Amino acid sequence: MKRILKIFKRMRENYVDTLGNLYEYSTTVYRDNKLSQVIDGDLFYTYGSFKKKSAIQFQKNSVSTVSELATRWQSLPTTHPTGR
């Protein structure tokens, strides 16, 4: 049992504690897996292709890291329908 737990601990994404780390982990480990797909269509994105496309957008918008993007996102004004 201890051996199994030790193996599991090595494989576990134990360093994913920020949005930036989650992004890096997901787009690296699952790069060949489908992220999304158009319904009844052949167009789909993998985690790897999403990382490439988002890197281009980050560069266009002068965002250096995913953590910086999260900080900018949190500082946006609220657009809630009730104005809260």
N, C-alpha and C. Protein backbone atom coordinates (compact mmCIF):
# COMPACT_ATOMS: atom_id res chain seq x y z
N MET A 1 0.81 -1.20 0.00
CA MET A 1 0.00 0.00 0.00
C MET A 1 0.86 1.27 0.00
N LYS A 2 1.93 1.29 0.80
CA LYS A 2 2.81 2.45 0.85
C LYS A 2 3.47 2.69 -0.50
N ARG A 3 3.79 1.60 -1.18
CA ARG A 3 4.42 1.72 -2.50
C ARG A 3 3.47 2.39 -3.50
N ILE A 4 2.21 2.02 -3.47
CA ILE A 4 1.22 2.61 -4.36
C ILE A 4 1.05 4.09 -4.06
N LEU A 5 0.98 4.44 -2.79
CA LEU A 5 0.84 5.85 -2.41
C LEU A 5 2.05 6.67 -2.83
N LYS A 6 3.23 6.06 -2.74
CA LYS A 6 4.45 6.75 -3.14
C LYS A 6 4.45 7.02 -4.65
N ILE A 7 4.02 6.04 -5.43
CA ILE A 7 3.92 6.21 -6.89
C ILE A 7 2.88 7.28 -7.22
N PHE A 8 1.74 7.21 -6.55
CA PHE A 8 0.68 8.17 -6.80
C PHE A 8 1.15 9.59 -6.48
N LYS A 9 1.89 9.74 -5.40
CA LYS A 9 2.35 11.06 -5.00
C LYS A 9 3.29 11.66 -6.05
N ARG A 10 4.12 10.82 -6.69
CA ARG A 10 5.02 11.31 -7.72
C ARG A 10 4.25 11.77 -8.96
N MET A 11 3.15 11.10 -9.26
CA MET A 11 2.38 11.39 -10.47
C MET A 11 1.40 12.54 -10.26
N ARG A 12 1.05 12.81 -9.06
CA ARG A 12 0.04 13.82 -8.74
C ARG A 12 0.54 15.22 -9.06
N GLU A 13 -0.35 16.07 -9.52
CA GLU A 13 0.02 17.45 -9.83
C GLU A 13 0.05 18.27 -8.54
N ASN A 14 1.01 17.98 -7.69
CA ASN A 14 1.05 18.60 -6.36
C ASN A 14 1.56 20.03 -6.37
N TYR A 15 2.05 20.52 -7.50
CA TYR A 15 2.52 21.89 -7.53
C TYR A 15 1.50 22.84 -8.14
N VAL A 16 0.32 22.34 -8.49
CA VAL A 16 -0.71 23.18 -9.10
C VAL A 16 -1.45 23.93 -7.99
N ASP A 17 -0.96 25.14 -7.72
CA ASP A 17 -1.57 25.94 -6.66
C ASP A 17 -1.96 27.34 -7.15
N THR A 18 -1.65 27.65 -8.41
CA THR A 18 -2.05 28.93 -8.99
C THR A 18 -2.63 28.68 -10.38
N LEU A 19 -3.30 29.67 -10.92
CA LEU A 19 -3.86 29.55 -12.26
C LEU A 19 -2.74 29.33 -13.29
N GLY A 20 -1.63 30.02 -13.12
CA GLY A 20 -0.50 29.86 -14.04
C GLY A 20 0.05 28.45 -14.03
N ASN A 21 0.20 27.87 -12.84
CA ASN A 21 0.70 26.50 -12.75
C ASN A 21 -0.29 25.50 -13.33
N LEU A 22 -1.58 25.73 -13.12
CA LEU A 22 -2.60 24.86 -13.70
C LEU A 22 -2.55 24.90 -15.22
N TYR A 23 -2.42 26.10 -15.77
CA TYR A 23 -2.32 26.27 -17.23
C TYR A 23 -1.10 25.53 -17.77
N GLU A 24 0.05 25.75 -17.16
CA GLU A 24 1.28 25.10 -17.62
C GLU A 24 1.19 23.58 -17.51
N TYR A 25 0.68 23.10 -16.38
CA TYR A 25 0.56 21.66 -16.17
C TYR A 25 -0.38 21.03 -17.20
N SER A 26 -1.56 21.61 -17.37
CA SER A 26 -2.57 21.05 -18.27
C SER A 26 -2.12 21.06 -19.71
N THR A 27 -1.56 22.18 -20.16
CA THR A 27 -1.18 22.29 -21.55
C THR A 27 0.08 21.48 -21.88
N THR A 28 0.83 21.10 -20.88
CA THR A 28 2.02 20.27 -21.10
C THR A 28 1.68 18.79 -21.02
N VAL A 29 1.04 18.39 -19.94
CA VAL A 29 0.76 16.96 -19.72
C VAL A 29 -0.31 16.44 -20.67
N TYR A 30 -1.32 17.23 -20.95
CA TYR A 30 -2.43 16.78 -21.78
C TYR A 30 -2.39 17.38 -23.18
N ARG A 31 -1.21 17.77 -23.68
CA ARG A 31 -1.09 18.51 -24.93
C ARG A 31 -1.72 17.81 -26.13
N ASP A 32 -1.80 16.49 -26.14
CA ASP A 32 -2.38 15.77 -27.27
C ASP A 32 -3.86 15.44 -27.07
N ASN A 33 -4.42 15.75 -25.91
CA ASN A 33 -5.83 15.49 -25.64
C ASN A 33 -6.70 16.63 -26.15
N LYS A 34 -7.94 16.29 -26.51
CA LYS A 34 -8.87 17.32 -26.98
C LYS A 34 -9.30 18.22 -25.84
N LEU A 35 -9.26 19.51 -26.10
CA LEU A 35 -9.74 20.51 -25.13
C LEU A 35 -11.18 20.86 -25.44
N SER A 36 -11.48 21.07 -26.72
CA SER A 36 -12.85 21.38 -27.14
C SER A 36 -13.02 20.98 -28.60
N GLN A 37 -14.28 20.84 -29.01
CA GLN A 37 -14.58 20.45 -30.38
C GLN A 37 -15.90 21.08 -30.81
N VAL A 38 -15.96 21.48 -32.07
CA VAL A 38 -17.19 22.03 -32.62
C VAL A 38 -18.20 20.90 -32.77
N ILE A 39 -19.44 21.14 -32.34
CA ILE A 39 -20.48 20.11 -32.43
C ILE A 39 -20.75 19.81 -33.90
N ASP A 40 -20.84 18.54 -34.24
CA ASP A 40 -21.08 18.08 -35.61
C ASP A 40 -20.05 18.64 -36.59
N GLY A 41 -18.82 18.78 -36.15
CA GLY A 41 -17.78 19.31 -37.03
C GLY A 41 -16.46 18.61 -36.78
N ASP A 42 -15.52 18.90 -37.65
CA ASP A 42 -14.19 18.30 -37.54
C ASP A 42 -13.19 19.21 -36.82
N LEU A 43 -13.58 20.45 -36.57
CA LEU A 43 -12.67 21.39 -35.93
C LEU A 43 -12.59 21.12 -34.43
N PHE A 44 -11.38 20.93 -33.95
CA PHE A 44 -11.18 20.75 -32.52
C PHE A 44 -9.84 21.34 -32.11
N TYR A 45 -9.72 21.63 -30.83
CA TYR A 45 -8.47 22.13 -30.26
C TYR A 45 -7.94 21.12 -29.26
N THR A 46 -6.65 20.93 -29.30
CA THR A 46 -5.99 20.15 -28.26
C THR A 46 -5.42 21.14 -27.25
N TYR A 47 -5.01 20.64 -26.10
CA TYR A 47 -4.40 21.51 -25.11
C TYR A 47 -3.14 22.16 -25.68
N GLY A 48 -2.39 21.40 -26.49
CA GLY A 48 -1.17 21.94 -27.10
C GLY A 48 -1.46 23.06 -28.09
N SER A 49 -2.47 22.87 -28.95
CA SER A 49 -2.80 23.92 -29.92
C SER A 49 -3.37 25.15 -29.21
N PHE A 50 -4.10 24.93 -28.12
CA PHE A 50 -4.61 26.05 -27.33
C PHE A 50 -3.46 26.86 -26.74
N LYS A 51 -2.43 26.16 -26.28
CA LYS A 51 -1.28 26.85 -25.69
C LYS A 51 -0.59 27.72 -26.75
N LYS A 52 -0.46 27.19 -27.96
CA LYS A 52 0.17 27.97 -29.03
C LYS A 52 -0.66 29.20 -29.39
N LYS A 53 -1.97 29.02 -29.53
CA LYS A 53 -2.84 30.14 -29.88
C LYS A 53 -2.90 31.18 -28.76
N SER A 54 -2.94 30.72 -27.53
CA SER A 54 -3.00 31.68 -26.42
C SER A 54 -1.67 32.42 -26.27
N ALA A 55 -0.55 31.77 -26.58
CA ALA A 55 0.75 32.45 -26.51
C ALA A 55 0.79 33.62 -27.50
N ILE A 56 0.20 33.43 -28.67
CA ILE A 56 0.14 34.51 -29.66
C ILE A 56 -0.71 35.66 -29.13
N GLN A 57 -1.85 35.34 -28.52
CA GLN A 57 -2.71 36.38 -27.97
C GLN A 57 -2.06 37.09 -26.78
N PHE A 58 -1.34 36.33 -25.96
CA PHE A 58 -0.63 36.94 -24.83
C PHE A 58 0.38 37.97 -25.35
N GLN A 59 1.10 37.58 -26.40
CA GLN A 59 2.10 38.47 -26.96
C GLN A 59 1.46 39.72 -27.56
N LYS A 60 0.35 39.55 -28.26
CA LYS A 60 -0.35 40.70 -28.85
C LYS A 60 -0.84 41.67 -27.79
N ASN A 61 -1.23 41.15 -26.63
CA ASN A 61 -1.79 41.98 -25.56
C ASN A 61 -0.80 42.30 -24.46
N SER A 62 0.47 42.06 -24.72
CA SER A 62 1.56 42.38 -23.78
C SER A 62 1.37 41.71 -22.42
N VAL A 63 0.94 40.46 -22.43
CA VAL A 63 0.81 39.69 -21.19
C VAL A 63 1.97 38.70 -21.16
N SER A 64 2.77 38.75 -20.10
CA SER A 64 3.97 37.91 -20.06
C SER A 64 3.71 36.54 -19.43
N THR A 65 2.77 36.46 -18.48
CA THR A 65 2.50 35.18 -17.82
C THR A 65 1.00 34.99 -17.62
N VAL A 66 0.61 33.76 -17.38
CA VAL A 66 -0.80 33.46 -17.10
C VAL A 66 -1.20 34.09 -15.77
N SER A 67 -0.30 34.14 -14.82
CA SER A 67 -0.61 34.77 -13.53
C SER A 67 -0.90 36.26 -13.71
N GLU A 68 -0.17 36.90 -14.62
CA GLU A 68 -0.43 38.31 -14.90
C GLU A 68 -1.82 38.46 -15.53
N LEU A 69 -2.18 37.54 -16.41
CA LEU A 69 -3.50 37.57 -17.02
C LEU A 69 -4.59 37.43 -15.95
N ALA A 70 -4.40 36.53 -15.00
CA ALA A 70 -5.38 36.34 -13.93
C ALA A 70 -5.52 37.61 -13.10
N THR A 71 -4.41 38.29 -12.84
CA THR A 71 -4.45 39.54 -12.07
C THR A 71 -5.23 40.60 -12.84
N ARG A 72 -4.97 40.71 -14.13
CA ARG A 72 -5.70 41.68 -14.96
C ARG A 72 -7.19 41.35 -15.00
N TRP A 73 -7.50 40.07 -15.10
CA TRP A 73 -8.90 39.63 -15.18
C TRP A 73 -9.66 40.01 -13.92
N GLN A 74 -9.03 39.84 -12.76
CA GLN A 74 -9.68 40.15 -11.49
C GLN A 74 -9.91 41.64 -11.32
N SER A 75 -9.12 42.46 -11.98
CA SER A 75 -9.26 43.91 -11.81
C SER A 75 -10.24 44.53 -12.81
N LEU A 76 -10.83 43.72 -13.68
CA LEU A 76 -11.82 44.25 -14.63
C LEU A 76 -13.09 44.65 -13.89
N PRO A 77 -13.79 45.67 -14.38
CA PRO A 77 -15.05 46.06 -13.73
C PRO A 77 -16.12 44.99 -13.92
N THR A 78 -17.04 44.90 -12.98
CA THR A 78 -18.10 43.93 -13.03
C THR A 78 -19.14 44.35 -14.06
N THR A 79 -19.62 43.37 -14.83
CA THR A 79 -20.66 43.66 -15.83
C THR A 79 -21.93 42.87 -15.50
N HIS A 80 -22.19 42.74 -14.23
CA HIS A 80 -23.37 42.00 -13.78
C HIS A 80 -24.61 42.76 -14.18
N PRO A 81 -25.67 42.07 -14.66
CA PRO A 81 -26.89 42.75 -15.12
C PRO A 81 -27.55 43.66 -14.10
N THR A 82 -27.37 43.35 -12.81
CA THR A 82 -28.02 44.17 -11.78
C THR A 82 -27.12 45.34 -11.35
N GLY A 83 -25.92 45.41 -11.92
CA GLY A 83 -25.02 46.51 -11.60
C GLY A 83 -24.27 46.33 -10.30
N ARG A 84 -24.26 45.15 -9.75
CA ARG A 84 -23.55 44.90 -8.49
C ARG A 84 -22.08 44.76 -8.70
